[in-house]
Protein backbone atom coordinates (compact mmCIF):
# COMPACT_ATOMS: atom_id res chain seq x y z
CA UNK A 1 0.00 0.00 0.00
CA UNK A 2 1.20 3.46 -0.84
CA UNK A 3 0.48 5.15 2.49
CA UNK A 4 2.09 8.25 3.95
CA UNK A 5 2.59 6.70 7.38
CA UNK A 6 4.03 9.91 8.86
CA UNK A 7 0.86 11.79 7.95
CA UNK A 8 -1.32 8.90 9.17
CA UNK A 9 0.49 8.88 12.54
CA UNK A 10 0.11 12.66 12.92
CA UNK A 11 -3.62 12.38 12.18
CA UNK A 12 -3.96 9.58 14.74
CA UNK A 13 -2.21 11.76 17.32
CA UNK A 14 -4.50 14.72 16.53
CA UNK A 15 -7.62 12.56 16.78
CA UNK A 16 -6.83 11.26 20.28
CA UNK A 17 -7.37 13.02 23.59
CA UNK A 18 -4.37 13.59 25.88
CA UNK A 19 -3.56 10.39 27.78
CA UNK A 20 -5.24 8.17 25.18
CA UNK A 21 -3.51 4.99 24.02
CA UNK A 22 -2.67 3.76 20.53
CA UNK A 23 -2.08 0.00 20.42
CA UNK A 24 -0.41 -1.54 17.38
CA UNK A 25 -0.29 -5.31 16.97
CA UNK A 26 2.15 -6.65 14.41
CA UNK A 27 0.78 -9.93 13.18
CA UNK A 28 2.07 -11.62 10.00
CA UNK A 29 1.54 -11.53 7.12
CA UNK A 30 0.58 -7.85 7.12
CA UNK A 31 3.76 -6.55 8.73
CA UNK A 32 5.90 -8.42 6.22
CA UNK A 33 4.51 -6.24 3.45
CA UNK A 34 4.30 -3.00 5.47
CA UNK A 35 7.54 -2.76 7.42
CA UNK A 36 9.52 -5.79 6.39
CA UNK A 37 10.13 -9.12 8.04
CA UNK A 38 13.54 -7.98 9.30
CA UNK A 39 11.92 -5.36 11.55
CA UNK A 40 9.54 -7.58 13.46
CA UNK A 41 10.65 -9.29 16.67
CA UNK A 42 14.45 -9.08 17.03
CA UNK A 43 14.44 -5.31 16.71
CA UNK A 44 11.14 -5.01 18.57
CA UNK A 45 9.59 -2.97 15.78
CA UNK A 46 12.30 -0.34 15.74
CA UNK A 47 11.20 1.23 12.45
CA UNK A 48 7.56 1.28 13.49
CA UNK A 49 8.47 2.67 16.90
CA UNK A 50 10.58 5.50 15.42
CA UNK A 51 7.80 6.45 13.00
CA UNK A 52 5.10 6.58 15.67
CA UNK A 53 7.30 8.40 18.20
CA UNK A 54 8.24 10.95 15.52
CA UNK A 55 4.55 11.87 15.33
CA UNK A 56 4.56 12.69 19.06
CA UNK A 57 3.51 9.43 20.74
CA UNK A 58 5.46 7.91 23.65
CA UNK A 59 6.02 4.14 23.91
CA UNK A 60 4.61 3.00 27.28
CA UNK A 61 4.43 -0.80 26.97
CA UNK A 62 5.43 -3.77 24.86
CA UNK A 63 3.42 -6.97 24.75
CA UNK A 64 5.46 -10.14 24.61
CA UNK A 65 2.53 -12.56 24.88
CA UNK A 66 2.74 -13.46 21.15
CA UNK A 67 6.53 -13.71 21.10
CA UNK A 68 7.98 -16.83 19.50
CA UNK A 69 11.75 -16.70 20.09
CA UNK A 70 12.11 -19.99 18.19
CA UNK A 71 11.11 -18.25 14.93
CA UNK A 72 14.25 -18.71 12.75
CA UNK A 73 13.13 -15.84 10.47
CA UNK A 74 14.25 -17.82 7.43
CA UNK A 75 10.80 -18.29 5.89
CA UNK A 76 8.01 -16.08 4.64
CA UNK A 77 5.28 -15.37 7.22
CA UNK A 78 2.84 -15.67 4.31
CA UNK A 79 3.53 -19.42 4.23
CA UNK A 80 4.95 -20.18 7.67
CA UNK A 81 6.78 -23.44 8.25
CA UNK A 82 7.07 -22.89 12.00
CA UNK A 83 6.20 -20.43 14.76
CA UNK A 84 6.00 -16.78 13.70
CA UNK A 85 7.21 -14.07 16.09
CA UNK A 86 4.68 -11.29 16.72
CA UNK A 87 4.50 -8.33 19.09
CA UNK A 88 2.30 -5.53 20.38
CA UNK A 89 3.32 -1.94 21.14
CA UNK A 90 1.29 0.52 23.23
CA UNK A 91 1.87 4.22 22.75
CA UNK A 92 0.33 7.13 24.62
CA UNK A 93 -0.45 10.69 23.65
CA UNK A 94 1.14 13.14 26.10
CA UNK A 95 -1.19 14.69 28.64
C-alpha atoms as a PDB file:
ATOM      1  CA  UNK A   1       0.000   0.000   0.000  1.00  0.00           C
ATOM      2  CA  UNK A   2       1.205   3.463  -0.838  1.00  0.00           C
ATOM      3  CA  UNK A   3       0.479   5.151   2.493  1.00  0.00           C
ATOM      4  CA  UNK A   4       2.085   8.250   3.949  1.00  0.00           C
ATOM      5  CA  UNK A   5       2.595   6.705   7.379  1.00  0.00           C
ATOM      6  CA  UNK A   6       4.032   9.907   8.861  1.00  0.00           C
ATOM      7  CA  UNK A   7       0.855  11.790   7.953  1.00  0.00           C
ATOM      8  CA  UNK A   8      -1.316   8.903   9.169  1.00  0.00           C
ATOM      9  CA  UNK A   9       0.494   8.881  12.539  1.00  0.00           C
ATOM     10  CA  UNK A  10       0.113  12.660  12.916  1.00  0.00           C
ATOM     11  CA  UNK A  11      -3.620  12.384  12.180  1.00  0.00           C
ATOM     12  CA  UNK A  12      -3.963   9.579  14.740  1.00  0.00           C
ATOM     13  CA  UNK A  13      -2.214  11.760  17.317  1.00  0.00           C
ATOM     14  CA  UNK A  14      -4.496  14.724  16.526  1.00  0.00           C
ATOM     15  CA  UNK A  15      -7.619  12.557  16.782  1.00  0.00           C
ATOM     16  CA  UNK A  16      -6.829  11.261  20.276  1.00  0.00           C
ATOM     17  CA  UNK A  17      -7.365  13.024  23.586  1.00  0.00           C
ATOM     18  CA  UNK A  18      -4.370  13.593  25.876  1.00  0.00           C
ATOM     19  CA  UNK A  19      -3.564  10.390  27.781  1.00  0.00           C
ATOM     20  CA  UNK A  20      -5.238   8.171  25.180  1.00  0.00           C
ATOM     21  CA  UNK A  21      -3.509   4.991  24.018  1.00  0.00           C
ATOM     22  CA  UNK A  22      -2.671   3.760  20.532  1.00  0.00           C
ATOM     23  CA  UNK A  23      -2.081  -0.001  20.416  1.00  0.00           C
ATOM     24  CA  UNK A  24      -0.410  -1.539  17.376  1.00  0.00           C
ATOM     25  CA  UNK A  25      -0.289  -5.308  16.971  1.00  0.00           C
ATOM     26  CA  UNK A  26       2.150  -6.652  14.407  1.00  0.00           C
ATOM     27  CA  UNK A  27       0.778  -9.934  13.180  1.00  0.00           C
ATOM     28  CA  UNK A  28       2.069 -11.621   9.996  1.00  0.00           C
ATOM     29  CA  UNK A  29       1.540 -11.532   7.122  1.00  0.00           C
ATOM     30  CA  UNK A  30       0.581  -7.850   7.125  1.00  0.00           C
ATOM     31  CA  UNK A  31       3.760  -6.555   8.727  1.00  0.00           C
ATOM     32  CA  UNK A  32       5.902  -8.421   6.217  1.00  0.00           C
ATOM     33  CA  UNK A  33       4.510  -6.236   3.451  1.00  0.00           C
ATOM     34  CA  UNK A  34       4.304  -2.999   5.470  1.00  0.00           C
ATOM     35  CA  UNK A  35       7.537  -2.758   7.415  1.00  0.00           C
ATOM     36  CA  UNK A  36       9.515  -5.791   6.389  1.00  0.00           C
ATOM     37  CA  UNK A  37      10.135  -9.119   8.042  1.00  0.00           C
ATOM     38  CA  UNK A  38      13.540  -7.981   9.299  1.00  0.00           C
ATOM     39  CA  UNK A  39      11.916  -5.360  11.548  1.00  0.00           C
ATOM     40  CA  UNK A  40       9.544  -7.581  13.464  1.00  0.00           C
ATOM     41  CA  UNK A  41      10.653  -9.293  16.668  1.00  0.00           C
ATOM     42  CA  UNK A  42      14.452  -9.077  17.026  1.00  0.00           C
ATOM     43  CA  UNK A  43      14.437  -5.308  16.707  1.00  0.00           C
ATOM     44  CA  UNK A  44      11.138  -5.008  18.566  1.00  0.00           C
ATOM     45  CA  UNK A  45       9.585  -2.972  15.778  1.00  0.00           C
ATOM     46  CA  UNK A  46      12.298  -0.336  15.742  1.00  0.00           C
ATOM     47  CA  UNK A  47      11.202   1.228  12.447  1.00  0.00           C
ATOM     48  CA  UNK A  48       7.555   1.280  13.488  1.00  0.00           C
ATOM     49  CA  UNK A  49       8.468   2.670  16.901  1.00  0.00           C
ATOM     50  CA  UNK A  50      10.582   5.501  15.425  1.00  0.00           C
ATOM     51  CA  UNK A  51       7.805   6.450  13.001  1.00  0.00           C
ATOM     52  CA  UNK A  52       5.101   6.581  15.673  1.00  0.00           C
ATOM     53  CA  UNK A  53       7.302   8.401  18.200  1.00  0.00           C
ATOM     54  CA  UNK A  54       8.241  10.954  15.523  1.00  0.00           C
ATOM     55  CA  UNK A  55       4.547  11.875  15.333  1.00  0.00           C
ATOM     56  CA  UNK A  56       4.556  12.686  19.065  1.00  0.00           C
ATOM     57  CA  UNK A  57       3.511   9.433  20.741  1.00  0.00           C
ATOM     58  CA  UNK A  58       5.458   7.905  23.645  1.00  0.00           C
ATOM     59  CA  UNK A  59       6.017   4.141  23.906  1.00  0.00           C
ATOM     60  CA  UNK A  60       4.612   3.002  27.276  1.00  0.00           C
ATOM     61  CA  UNK A  61       4.427  -0.800  26.971  1.00  0.00           C
ATOM     62  CA  UNK A  62       5.432  -3.774  24.863  1.00  0.00           C
ATOM     63  CA  UNK A  63       3.417  -6.974  24.747  1.00  0.00           C
ATOM     64  CA  UNK A  64       5.461 -10.144  24.610  1.00  0.00           C
ATOM     65  CA  UNK A  65       2.530 -12.558  24.879  1.00  0.00           C
ATOM     66  CA  UNK A  66       2.738 -13.458  21.149  1.00  0.00           C
ATOM     67  CA  UNK A  67       6.525 -13.707  21.097  1.00  0.00           C
ATOM     68  CA  UNK A  68       7.980 -16.832  19.504  1.00  0.00           C
ATOM     69  CA  UNK A  69      11.752 -16.699  20.086  1.00  0.00           C
ATOM     70  CA  UNK A  70      12.113 -19.986  18.188  1.00  0.00           C
ATOM     71  CA  UNK A  71      11.109 -18.251  14.925  1.00  0.00           C
ATOM     72  CA  UNK A  72      14.246 -18.710  12.753  1.00  0.00           C
ATOM     73  CA  UNK A  73      13.127 -15.844  10.469  1.00  0.00           C
ATOM     74  CA  UNK A  74      14.246 -17.819   7.430  1.00  0.00           C
ATOM     75  CA  UNK A  75      10.797 -18.285   5.887  1.00  0.00           C
ATOM     76  CA  UNK A  76       8.006 -16.080   4.636  1.00  0.00           C
ATOM     77  CA  UNK A  77       5.281 -15.371   7.225  1.00  0.00           C
ATOM     78  CA  UNK A  78       2.839 -15.667   4.305  1.00  0.00           C
ATOM     79  CA  UNK A  79       3.527 -19.421   4.227  1.00  0.00           C
ATOM     80  CA  UNK A  80       4.952 -20.185   7.672  1.00  0.00           C
ATOM     81  CA  UNK A  81       6.784 -23.439   8.254  1.00  0.00           C
ATOM     82  CA  UNK A  82       7.068 -22.888  12.003  1.00  0.00           C
ATOM     83  CA  UNK A  83       6.200 -20.425  14.764  1.00  0.00           C
ATOM     84  CA  UNK A  84       6.003 -16.777  13.703  1.00  0.00           C
ATOM     85  CA  UNK A  85       7.212 -14.066  16.092  1.00  0.00           C
ATOM     86  CA  UNK A  86       4.679 -11.291  16.720  1.00  0.00           C
ATOM     87  CA  UNK A  87       4.496  -8.331  19.086  1.00  0.00           C
ATOM     88  CA  UNK A  88       2.300  -5.526  20.375  1.00  0.00           C
ATOM     89  CA  UNK A  89       3.322  -1.938  21.138  1.00  0.00           C
ATOM     90  CA  UNK A  90       1.288   0.517  23.231  1.00  0.00           C
ATOM     91  CA  UNK A  91       1.872   4.222  22.750  1.00  0.00           C
ATOM     92  CA  UNK A  92       0.330   7.129  24.619  1.00  0.00           C
ATOM     93  CA  UNK A  93      -0.452  10.694  23.648  1.00  0.00           C
ATOM     94  CA  UNK A  94       1.137  13.143  26.096  1.00  0.00           C
ATOM     95  CA  UNK A  95      -1.193  14.691  28.638  1.00  0.00           C
END
